[in-house]
């Protein structure tokens, strides 16, 4: 097998060109968000961006076509499904801005000072927050480029196993998203916490299954020379999904809107990995009496 890093004249310019394209894409996205006064649109661009990246990596290099088509179909299908879901959510909630981004905006305005100065500082910081997503996408897409450059004329068992892991993640995330959508669109559930279906086993099953797909991308890359070096990809996603824009930011926002009901949900339900419910501390005390 040929070391993909030996073809550095192809690999590094390819990734670099992808970053330039993403910088421009997120600059335009920021301009649109500034115009419509809603930063939530960046989530939709983030989702569709992985399809664009995979097609870009797959079309330009001369890798083994069956491998590129197999892996590319996984990335594009996941990207398009998430784009559809997030796009519908954005249109349904518009013009109300996602609470996470609104919190960022408020914090940035406080940092910048009062009045117009604070608003300008907030928009400048939002621009770089968008650019951070473009940089992160480039870093996460390195295994995409490596796999697309792999010319080995054979598909290995580990690549098929990775596709199986991806299928579990894809199906789980789709089910979790649909369950949450159905729950939110039912007027009878207004103000309530979704704890049915997969949400009864994890407070964020969508994030867990999304992360599982990134684990699958890493496993798939193991069949490519130096693919083990992309272990950082699922680790980075784990960090962001649990500590930054995922669980941490979502739960801080949900506690403001759901209060004690969500706090009780936190006490009984696993945060990330689906697991059986536990009893709330006060319930355990009552049983012991």
C-alpha atoms as a PDB file:
ATOM      1  CA  UNK A   1       0.000   0.000   0.000  1.00  0.00           C
ATOM      2  CA  UNK A   2       1.208   3.482  -0.841  1.00  0.00           C
ATOM      3  CA  UNK A   3       1.661   5.874   2.080  1.00  0.00           C
ATOM      4  CA  UNK A   4      -0.766   8.725   1.406  1.00  0.00           C
ATOM      5  CA  UNK A   5       1.604  11.163   3.083  1.00  0.00           C
ATOM      6  CA  UNK A   6       4.227  10.274   0.483  1.00  0.00           C
ATOM      7  CA  UNK A   7       1.935  11.960  -2.013  1.00  0.00           C
ATOM      8  CA  UNK A   8       2.141  15.176   0.008  1.00  0.00           C
ATOM      9  CA  UNK A   9       2.050  17.272  -3.157  1.00  0.00           C
ATOM     10  CA  UNK A  10      -1.534  15.992  -3.508  1.00  0.00           C
ATOM     11  CA  UNK A  11      -2.624  15.511   0.097  1.00  0.00           C
ATOM     12  CA  UNK A  12      -1.652  18.772   1.804  1.00  0.00           C
ATOM     13  CA  UNK A  13      -2.679  21.124  -1.034  1.00  0.00           C
ATOM     14  CA  UNK A  14      -5.985  19.235  -1.163  1.00  0.00           C
ATOM     15  CA  UNK A  15      -6.692  19.796   2.527  1.00  0.00           C
ATOM     16  CA  UNK A  16      -5.425  23.373   2.305  1.00  0.00           C
ATOM     17  CA  UNK A  17      -7.682  24.134  -0.625  1.00  0.00           C
ATOM     18  CA  UNK A  18     -10.600  22.663   1.296  1.00  0.00           C
ATOM     19  CA  UNK A  19      -9.875  25.028   4.187  1.00  0.00           C
ATOM     20  CA  UNK A  20      -9.793  28.064   1.884  1.00  0.00           C
ATOM     21  CA  UNK A  21     -13.143  27.045   0.472  1.00  0.00           C
ATOM     22  CA  UNK A  22     -14.622  26.598   3.957  1.00  0.00           C
ATOM     23  CA  UNK A  23     -13.245  29.973   5.091  1.00  0.00           C
ATOM     24  CA  UNK A  24     -15.125  31.638   2.240  1.00  0.00           C
ATOM     25  CA  UNK A  25     -18.245  29.534   2.829  1.00  0.00           C
ATOM     26  CA  UNK A  26     -18.477  30.456   6.503  1.00  0.00           C
ATOM     27  CA  UNK A  27     -17.692  34.102   5.756  1.00  0.00           C
ATOM     28  CA  UNK A  28     -20.709  34.166   3.441  1.00  0.00           C
ATOM     29  CA  UNK A  29     -22.754  32.283   6.040  1.00  0.00           C
ATOM     30  CA  UNK A  30     -21.865  34.890   8.647  1.00  0.00           C
ATOM     31  CA  UNK A  31     -22.940  37.618   6.215  1.00  0.00           C
ATOM     32  CA  UNK A  32     -26.310  35.921   5.759  1.00  0.00           C
ATOM     33  CA  UNK A  33     -26.718  35.432   9.508  1.00  0.00           C
ATOM     34  CA  UNK A  34     -25.911  39.103  10.089  1.00  0.00           C
ATOM     35  CA  UNK A  35     -28.527  40.070   7.528  1.00  0.00           C
ATOM     36  CA  UNK A  36     -31.273  37.884   8.999  1.00  0.00           C
ATOM     37  CA  UNK A  37     -30.133  38.413  12.613  1.00  0.00           C
ATOM     38  CA  UNK A  38     -30.012  34.688  13.309  1.00  0.00           C
ATOM     39  CA  UNK A  39     -26.833  32.619  13.747  1.00  0.00           C
ATOM     40  CA  UNK A  40     -28.682  29.299  13.799  1.00  0.00           C
ATOM     41  CA  UNK A  41     -28.245  28.973  10.044  1.00  0.00           C
ATOM     42  CA  UNK A  42     -24.605  28.020  10.617  1.00  0.00           C
ATOM     43  CA  UNK A  43     -25.732  24.594  11.869  1.00  0.00           C
ATOM     44  CA  UNK A  44     -27.347  23.892   8.497  1.00  0.00           C
ATOM     45  CA  UNK A  45     -24.179  24.945   6.649  1.00  0.00           C
ATOM     46  CA  UNK A  46     -22.076  22.794   8.998  1.00  0.00           C
ATOM     47  CA  UNK A  47     -24.197  19.760   8.136  1.00  0.00           C
ATOM     48  CA  UNK A  48     -24.199  20.196   4.339  1.00  0.00           C
ATOM     49  CA  UNK A  49     -20.521  21.171   4.381  1.00  0.00           C
ATOM     50  CA  UNK A  50     -19.420  17.577   4.965  1.00  0.00           C
ATOM     51  CA  UNK A  51     -21.155  16.490   1.765  1.00  0.00           C
ATOM     52  CA  UNK A  52     -19.371  19.238  -0.138  1.00  0.00           C
ATOM     53  CA  UNK A  53     -16.029  18.230   1.380  1.00  0.00           C
ATOM     54  CA  UNK A  54     -16.477  14.544   0.605  1.00  0.00           C
ATOM     55  CA  UNK A  55     -17.469  15.218  -3.000  1.00  0.00           C
ATOM     56  CA  UNK A  56     -14.492  17.564  -3.358  1.00  0.00           C
ATOM     57  CA  UNK A  57     -12.065  14.967  -1.971  1.00  0.00           C
ATOM     58  CA  UNK A  58     -13.638  12.160  -3.979  1.00  0.00           C
ATOM     59  CA  UNK A  59     -13.693  13.843  -7.371  1.00  0.00           C
ATOM     60  CA  UNK A  60     -10.178  15.289  -7.524  1.00  0.00           C
ATOM     61  CA  UNK A  61      -7.862  12.425  -6.367  1.00  0.00           C
ATOM     62  CA  UNK A  62      -7.385   9.134  -8.213  1.00  0.00           C
ATOM     63  CA  UNK A  63      -8.061   6.675  -5.418  1.00  0.00           C
ATOM     64  CA  UNK A  64      -9.709   3.243  -5.595  1.00  0.00           C
ATOM     65  CA  UNK A  65     -13.216   4.054  -6.860  1.00  0.00           C
ATOM     66  CA  UNK A  66     -15.187   1.342  -4.941  1.00  0.00           C
ATOM     67  CA  UNK A  67     -13.607   2.538  -1.671  1.00  0.00           C
ATOM     68  CA  UNK A  68     -14.320   6.192  -2.453  1.00  0.00           C
ATOM     69  CA  UNK A  69     -17.923   5.392  -3.397  1.00  0.00           C
ATOM     70  CA  UNK A  70     -18.530   3.266  -0.290  1.00  0.00           C
ATOM     71  CA  UNK A  71     -17.025   5.704   2.175  1.00  0.00           C
ATOM     72  CA  UNK A  72     -18.336   8.758   0.329  1.00  0.00           C
ATOM     73  CA  UNK A  73     -21.890   7.405   0.410  1.00  0.00           C
ATOM     74  CA  UNK A  74     -21.687   7.074   4.203  1.00  0.00           C
ATOM     75  CA  UNK A  75     -20.537  10.663   4.677  1.00  0.00           C
ATOM     76  CA  UNK A  76     -22.949  12.172   2.154  1.00  0.00           C
ATOM     77  CA  UNK A  77     -25.998  10.264   3.433  1.00  0.00           C
ATOM     78  CA  UNK A  78     -25.297  11.316   7.027  1.00  0.00           C
ATOM     79  CA  UNK A  79     -24.663  14.894   5.934  1.00  0.00           C
ATOM     80  CA  UNK A  80     -27.823  15.193   3.825  1.00  0.00           C
ATOM     81  CA  UNK A  81     -30.056  13.664   6.499  1.00  0.00           C
ATOM     82  CA  UNK A  82     -28.702  16.020   9.149  1.00  0.00           C
ATOM     83  CA  UNK A  83     -29.036  18.977   6.766  1.00  0.00           C
ATOM     84  CA  UNK A  84     -32.673  18.122   6.134  1.00  0.00           C
ATOM     85  CA  UNK A  85     -33.386  17.802   9.859  1.00  0.00           C
ATOM     86  CA  UNK A  86     -31.557  20.957  10.927  1.00  0.00           C
ATOM     87  CA  UNK A  87     -32.902  22.930   7.979  1.00  0.00           C
ATOM     88  CA  UNK A  88     -36.479  22.074   8.903  1.00  0.00           C
ATOM     89  CA  UNK A  89     -35.809  22.899  12.535  1.00  0.00           C
ATOM     90  CA  UNK A  90     -34.301  26.259  11.596  1.00  0.00           C
ATOM     91  CA  UNK A  91     -37.262  27.186   9.367  1.00  0.00           C
ATOM     92  CA  UNK A  92     -39.739  26.087  12.040  1.00  0.00           C
ATOM     93  CA  UNK A  93     -38.098  28.171  14.775  1.00  0.00           C
ATOM     94  CA  UNK A  94     -37.174  31.212  12.643  1.00  0.00           C
ATOM     95  CA  UNK A  95     -36.944  34.108  13.461  1.00  0.00           C
ATOM     96  CA  UNK A  96     -36.228  32.926  17.027  1.00  0.00           C
ATOM     97  CA  UNK A  97     -32.473  32.317  17.365  1.00  0.00           C
ATOM     98  CA  UNK A  98     -31.130  29.082  18.810  1.00  0.00           C
ATOM     99  CA  UNK A  99     -30.606  29.616  22.533  1.00  0.00           C
ATOM    100  CA  UNK A 100     -26.971  28.487  22.372  1.00  0.00           C
ATOM    101  CA  UNK A 101     -26.009  31.134  19.819  1.00  0.00           C
ATOM    102  CA  UNK A 102     -28.105  33.765  21.549  1.00  0.00           C
ATOM    103  CA  UNK A 103     -26.174  33.056  24.756  1.00  0.00           C
ATOM    104  CA  UNK A 104     -22.892  33.469  22.890  1.00  0.00           C
ATOM    105  CA  UNK A 105     -24.122  36.730  21.403  1.00  0.00           C
ATOM    106  CA  UNK A 106     -25.200  38.129  24.774  1.00  0.00           C
ATOM    107  CA  UNK A 107     -21.861  37.165  26.358  1.00  0.00           C
ATOM    108  CA  UNK A 108     -19.917  38.779  23.495  1.00  0.00           C
ATOM    109  CA  UNK A 109     -21.954  41.980  23.792  1.00  0.00           C
ATOM    110  CA  UNK A 110     -21.203  42.161  27.525  1.00  0.00           C
ATOM    111  CA  UNK A 111     -17.487  41.748  26.774  1.00  0.00           C
ATOM    112  CA  UNK A 112     -17.559  44.552  24.202  1.00  0.00           C
ATOM    113  CA  UNK A 113     -19.325  47.128  26.297  1.00  0.00           C
ATOM    114  CA  UNK A 114     -22.670  48.866  26.109  1.00  0.00           C
ATOM    115  CA  UNK A 115     -24.542  50.095  23.052  1.00  0.00           C
ATOM    116  CA  UNK A 116     -23.276  49.914  19.494  1.00  0.00           C
ATOM    117  CA  UNK A 117     -19.754  49.029  20.580  1.00  0.00           C
ATOM    118  CA  UNK A 118     -20.978  45.865  22.262  1.00  0.00           C
ATOM    119  CA  UNK A 119     -23.072  44.892  19.237  1.00  0.00           C
ATOM    120  CA  UNK A 120     -20.137  45.339  16.843  1.00  0.00           C
ATOM    121  CA  UNK A 121     -17.866  43.324  19.134  1.00  0.00           C
ATOM    122  CA  UNK A 122     -20.483  40.551  19.281  1.00  0.00           C
ATOM    123  CA  UNK A 123     -20.778  40.368  15.487  1.00  0.00           C
ATOM    124  CA  UNK A 124     -16.989  40.289  15.082  1.00  0.00           C
ATOM    125  CA  UNK A 125     -16.748  37.459  17.590  1.00  0.00           C
ATOM    126  CA  UNK A 126     -19.595  35.607  15.883  1.00  0.00           C
ATOM    127  CA  UNK A 127     -17.654  35.849  12.618  1.00  0.00           C
ATOM    128  CA  UNK A 128     -14.693  34.079  14.211  1.00  0.00           C
ATOM    129  CA  UNK A 129     -16.993  31.578  15.897  1.00  0.00           C
ATOM    130  CA  UNK A 130     -18.226  30.664  12.427  1.00  0.00           C
ATOM    131  CA  UNK A 131     -14.643  30.439  11.162  1.00  0.00           C
ATOM    132  CA  UNK A 132     -13.787  28.126  14.028  1.00  0.00           C
ATOM    133  CA  UNK A 133     -16.388  25.734  12.651  1.00  0.00           C
ATOM    134  CA  UNK A 134     -14.751  25.884   9.214  1.00  0.00           C
ATOM    135  CA  UNK A 135     -11.337  25.125  10.715  1.00  0.00           C
ATOM    136  CA  UNK A 136     -12.796  22.273  12.764  1.00  0.00           C
ATOM    137  CA  UNK A 137     -14.460  20.811   9.680  1.00  0.00           C
ATOM    138  CA  UNK A 138     -11.138  20.845   7.837  1.00  0.00           C
ATOM    139  CA  UNK A 139      -9.392  19.047  10.691  1.00  0.00           C
ATOM    140  CA  UNK A 140     -12.172  16.478  10.966  1.00  0.00           C
ATOM    141  CA  UNK A 141     -12.128  15.835   7.218  1.00  0.00           C
ATOM    142  CA  UNK A 142      -8.495  14.670   7.080  1.00  0.00           C
ATOM    143  CA  UNK A 143      -9.520  10.972   7.092  1.00  0.00           C
ATOM    144  CA  UNK A 144     -11.866  11.753   4.184  1.00  0.00           C
ATOM    145  CA  UNK A 145      -8.913  12.934   2.098  1.00  0.00           C
ATOM    146  CA  UNK A 146      -6.707  10.025   3.198  1.00  0.00           C
ATOM    147  CA  UNK A 147      -9.317   7.440   2.255  1.00  0.00           C
ATOM    148  CA  UNK A 148     -10.004   9.154  -1.077  1.00  0.00           C
ATOM    149  CA  UNK A 149      -6.274   8.984  -1.887  1.00  0.00           C
ATOM    150  CA  UNK A 150      -5.886   5.314  -0.941  1.00  0.00           C
ATOM    151  CA  UNK A 151      -5.212   3.495  -4.222  1.00  0.00           C
ATOM    152  CA  UNK A 152      -5.096  -0.033  -2.762  1.00  0.00           C
ATOM    153  CA  UNK A 153      -7.356  -2.052  -5.128  1.00  0.00           C
ATOM    154  CA  UNK A 154      -9.105  -3.998  -2.389  1.00  0.00           C
ATOM    155  CA  UNK A 155     -11.756  -3.417   0.263  1.00  0.00           C
ATOM    156  CA  UNK A 156     -10.817  -4.867   3.643  1.00  0.00           C
ATOM    157  CA  UNK A 157     -13.053  -6.509   6.241  1.00  0.00           C
ATOM    158  CA  UNK A 158     -12.445  -3.664   8.682  1.00  0.00           C
ATOM    159  CA  UNK A 159     -13.882  -1.215   6.159  1.00  0.00           C
ATOM    160  CA  UNK A 160     -17.082  -3.257   5.910  1.00  0.00           C
ATOM    161  CA  UNK A 161     -17.225  -3.529   9.705  1.00  0.00           C
ATOM    162  CA  UNK A 162     -16.871   0.255   9.914  1.00  0.00           C
ATOM    163  CA  UNK A 163     -19.805   0.600   7.521  1.00  0.00           C
ATOM    164  CA  UNK A 164     -21.823  -1.597   9.902  1.00  0.00           C
ATOM    165  CA  UNK A 165     -20.941   0.613  12.886  1.00  0.00           C
ATOM    166  CA  UNK A 166     -21.888   3.654  10.800  1.00  0.00           C
ATOM    167  CA  UNK A 167     -25.270   2.109   9.994  1.00  0.00           C
ATOM    168  CA  UNK A 168     -26.026   1.705  13.711  1.00  0.00           C
ATOM    169  CA  UNK A 169     -25.058   5.340  14.333  1.00  0.00           C
ATOM    170  CA  UNK A 170     -26.991   6.654  11.331  1.00  0.00           C
ATOM    171  CA  UNK A 171     -30.149   4.729  12.240  1.00  0.00           C
ATOM    172  CA  UNK A 172     -29.944   5.662  15.905  1.00  0.00           C
ATOM    173  CA  UNK A 173     -29.486   9.373  15.238  1.00  0.00           C
ATOM    174  CA  UNK A 174     -32.333   9.413  12.703  1.00  0.00           C
ATOM    175  CA  UNK A 175     -34.690   7.692  15.171  1.00  0.00           C
ATOM    176  CA  UNK A 176     -33.675   9.999  18.037  1.00  0.00           C
ATOM    177  CA  UNK A 177     -34.152  13.139  15.930  1.00  0.00           C
ATOM    178  CA  UNK A 178     -37.557  11.963  14.705  1.00  0.00           C
ATOM    179  CA  UNK A 179     -38.705  11.096  18.227  1.00  0.00           C
ATOM    180  CA  UNK A 180     -37.710  14.548  19.464  1.00  0.00           C
ATOM    181  CA  UNK A 181     -39.380  16.245  16.490  1.00  0.00           C
ATOM    182  CA  UNK A 182     -42.638  14.382  17.084  1.00  0.00           C
ATOM    183  CA  UNK A 183     -42.511  15.227  20.789  1.00  0.00           C
ATOM    184  CA  UNK A 184     -41.951  18.936  20.167  1.00  0.00           C
ATOM    185  CA  UNK A 185     -44.657  19.242  17.524  1.00  0.00           C
ATOM    186  CA  UNK A 186     -47.307  17.816  19.861  1.00  0.00           C
ATOM    187  CA  UNK A 187     -48.997  20.801  21.600  1.00  0.00           C
ATOM    188  CA  UNK A 188     -49.739  18.598  24.620  1.00  0.00           C
ATOM    189  CA  UNK A 189     -45.988  18.375  25.331  1.00  0.00           C
ATOM    190  CA  UNK A 190     -45.367  22.113  25.537  1.00  0.00           C
ATOM    191  CA  UNK A 191     -43.044  22.836  28.466  1.00  0.00           C
ATOM    192  CA  UNK A 192     -42.408  19.137  29.092  1.00  0.00           C
ATOM    193  CA  UNK A 193     -39.164  17.141  28.856  1.00  0.00           C
ATOM    194  CA  UNK A 194     -38.875  14.466  26.166  1.00  0.00           C
ATOM    195  CA  UNK A 195     -38.039  11.234  27.997  1.00  0.00           C
ATOM    196  CA  UNK A 196     -39.647   8.667  25.718  1.00  0.00           C
ATOM    197  CA  UNK A 197     -38.076   6.266  23.234  1.00  0.00           C
ATOM    198  CA  UNK A 198     -34.301   6.590  23.038  1.00  0.00           C
ATOM    199  CA  UNK A 199     -34.566   9.759  25.127  1.00  0.00           C
ATOM    200  CA  UNK A 200     -35.567   7.574  28.052  1.00  0.00           C
ATOM    201  CA  UNK A 201     -32.126   5.953  27.984  1.00  0.00           C
ATOM    202  CA  UNK A 202     -29.962   8.980  27.180  1.00  0.00           C
ATOM    203  CA  UNK A 203     -30.470  12.722  27.532  1.00  0.00           C
ATOM    204  CA  UNK A 204     -28.682  13.147  24.195  1.00  0.00           C
ATOM    205  CA  UNK A 205     -29.039   9.970  22.106  1.00  0.00           C
ATOM    206  CA  UNK A 206     -28.691  12.021  18.914  1.00  0.00           C
ATOM    207  CA  UNK A 207     -25.229  13.184  19.984  1.00  0.00           C
ATOM    208  CA  UNK A 208     -24.196   9.675  21.004  1.00  0.00           C
ATOM    209  CA  UNK A 209     -25.165   8.112  17.680  1.00  0.00           C
ATOM    210  CA  UNK A 210     -23.628  11.002  15.768  1.00  0.00           C
ATOM    211  CA  UNK A 211     -20.370  10.346  17.629  1.00  0.00           C
ATOM    212  CA  UNK A 212     -20.671   6.646  16.788  1.00  0.00           C
ATOM    213  CA  UNK A 213     -20.592   7.560  13.096  1.00  0.00           C
ATOM    214  CA  UNK A 214     -17.335   9.469  13.645  1.00  0.00           C
ATOM    215  CA  UNK A 215     -15.929   6.382  15.369  1.00  0.00           C
ATOM    216  CA  UNK A 216     -16.910   4.462  12.225  1.00  0.00           C
ATOM    217  CA  UNK A 217     -15.031   6.953  10.017  1.00  0.00           C
ATOM    218  CA  UNK A 218     -11.904   6.384  12.117  1.00  0.00           C
ATOM    219  CA  UNK A 219     -12.284   2.595  11.958  1.00  0.00           C
ATOM    220  CA  UNK A 220     -12.730   2.830   8.182  1.00  0.00           C
ATOM    221  CA  UNK A 221      -9.515   4.869   7.957  1.00  0.00           C
ATOM    222  CA  UNK A 222      -7.566   2.096   9.721  1.00  0.00           C
ATOM    223  CA  UNK A 223      -7.409   0.259   6.379  1.00  0.00           C
ATOM    224  CA  UNK A 224      -5.524   3.251   4.925  1.00  0.00           C
ATOM    225  CA  UNK A 225      -1.795   3.748   5.660  1.00  0.00           C
ATOM    226  CA  UNK A 226      -1.370   6.081   8.645  1.00  0.00           C
ATOM    227  CA  UNK A 227      -5.122   5.917   9.221  1.00  0.00           C
ATOM    228  CA  UNK A 228      -4.531   5.246  12.919  1.00  0.00           C
ATOM    229  CA  UNK A 229      -3.329   8.844  13.190  1.00  0.00           C
ATOM    230  CA  UNK A 230      -6.928  10.007  12.730  1.00  0.00           C
ATOM    231  CA  UNK A 231      -7.859   8.707  16.197  1.00  0.00           C
ATOM    232  CA  UNK A 232      -8.021  12.377  17.182  1.00  0.00           C
ATOM    233  CA  UNK A 233     -11.189  12.778  15.056  1.00  0.00           C
ATOM    234  CA  UNK A 234     -13.664  10.858  17.289  1.00  0.00           C
ATOM    235  CA  UNK A 235     -11.861  12.251  20.357  1.00  0.00           C
ATOM    236  CA  UNK A 236     -12.332  15.847  19.182  1.00  0.00           C
ATOM    237  CA  UNK A 237     -15.982  15.159  18.380  1.00  0.00           C
ATOM    238  CA  UNK A 238     -16.459  13.581  21.801  1.00  0.00           C
ATOM    239  CA  UNK A 239     -15.050  16.694  23.446  1.00  0.00           C
ATOM    240  CA  UNK A 240     -17.184  19.125  21.456  1.00  0.00           C
ATOM    241  CA  UNK A 241     -20.351  17.049  21.781  1.00  0.00           C
ATOM    242  CA  UNK A 242     -20.014  16.702  25.540  1.00  0.00           C
ATOM    243  CA  UNK A 243     -18.158  19.806  26.705  1.00  0.00           C
ATOM    244  CA  UNK A 244     -18.645  22.663  24.228  1.00  0.00           C
ATOM    245  CA  UNK A 245     -21.551  23.159  21.795  1.00  0.00           C
ATOM    246  CA  UNK A 246     -23.266  19.846  22.529  1.00  0.00           C
ATOM    247  CA  UNK A 247     -24.388  18.593  25.923  1.00  0.00           C
ATOM    248  CA  UNK A 248     -22.945  21.415  28.028  1.00  0.00           C
ATOM    249  CA  UNK A 249     -24.463  24.304  26.053  1.00  0.00           C
ATOM    250  CA  UNK A 250     -27.742  22.499  25.384  1.00  0.00           C
ATOM    251  CA  UNK A 251     -28.332  21.580  29.013  1.00  0.00           C
ATOM    252  CA  UNK A 252     -27.491  25.047  30.291  1.00  0.00           C
ATOM    253  CA  UNK A 253     -30.118  26.429  27.934  1.00  0.00           C
ATOM    254  CA  UNK A 254     -32.692  23.721  28.707  1.00  0.00           C
ATOM    255  CA  UNK A 255     -32.403  24.248  32.457  1.00  0.00           C
ATOM    256  CA  UNK A 256     -33.478  27.856  31.865  1.00  0.00           C
ATOM    257  CA  UNK A 257     -36.605  26.772  29.991  1.00  0.00           C
ATOM    258  CA  UNK A 258     -37.541  23.477  31.692  1.00  0.00           C
ATOM    259  CA  UNK A 259     -36.224  24.077  35.216  1.00  0.00           C
ATOM    260  CA  UNK A 260     -36.939  21.449  37.861  1.00  0.00           C
ATOM    261  CA  UNK A 261     -38.438  18.979  35.371  1.00  0.00           C
ATOM    262  CA  UNK A 262     -35.178  18.841  33.446  1.00  0.00           C
ATOM    263  CA  UNK A 263     -33.112  18.733  36.638  1.00  0.00           C
ATOM    264  CA  UNK A 264     -35.000  15.590  37.661  1.00  0.00           C
ATOM    265  CA  UNK A 265     -34.438  14.182  34.167  1.00  0.00           C
ATOM    266  CA  UNK A 266     -30.695  14.768  34.657  1.00  0.00           C
ATOM    267  CA  UNK A 267     -30.783  12.831  37.918  1.00  0.00           C
ATOM    268  CA  UNK A 268     -32.383   9.735  36.412  1.00  0.00           C
ATOM    269  CA  UNK A 269     -31.108   9.539  32.823  1.00  0.00           C
ATOM    270  CA  UNK A 270     -27.634   8.928  31.392  1.00  0.00           C
ATOM    271  CA  UNK A 271     -26.128  12.050  29.820  1.00  0.00           C
ATOM    272  CA  UNK A 272     -24.573  10.444  26.747  1.00  0.00           C
ATOM    273  CA  UNK A 273     -24.297   6.655  26.477  1.00  0.00           C
ATOM    274  CA  UNK A 274     -27.782   5.051  26.412  1.00  0.00           C
ATOM    275  CA  UNK A 275     -28.415   3.176  29.651  1.00  0.00           C
ATOM    276  CA  UNK A 276     -31.218   2.193  31.992  1.00  0.00           C
ATOM    277  CA  UNK A 277     -32.803   4.862  34.157  1.00  0.00           C
ATOM    278  CA  UNK A 278     -31.822   5.284  37.794  1.00  0.00           C
ATOM    279  CA  UNK A 279     -33.931   6.576  40.662  1.00  0.00           C
ATOM    280  CA  UNK A 280     -33.748  10.246  41.646  1.00  0.00           C
ATOM    281  CA  UNK A 281     -31.995  10.894  44.996  1.00  0.00           C
ATOM    282  CA  UNK A 282     -35.193  12.057  46.710  1.00  0.00           C
ATOM    283  CA  UNK A 283     -37.047   8.954  45.486  1.00  0.00           C
ATOM    284  CA  UNK A 284     -34.319   6.725  46.879  1.00  0.00           C
ATOM    285  CA  UNK A 285     -34.582   8.492  50.223  1.00  0.00           C
ATOM    286  CA  UNK A 286     -38.355   8.004  50.323  1.00  0.00           C
ATOM    287  CA  UNK A 287     -37.997   4.287  49.544  1.00  0.00           C
ATOM    288  CA  UNK A 288     -35.430   3.881  52.308  1.00  0.00           C
ATOM    289  CA  UNK A 289     -37.879   5.353  54.822  1.00  0.00           C
END
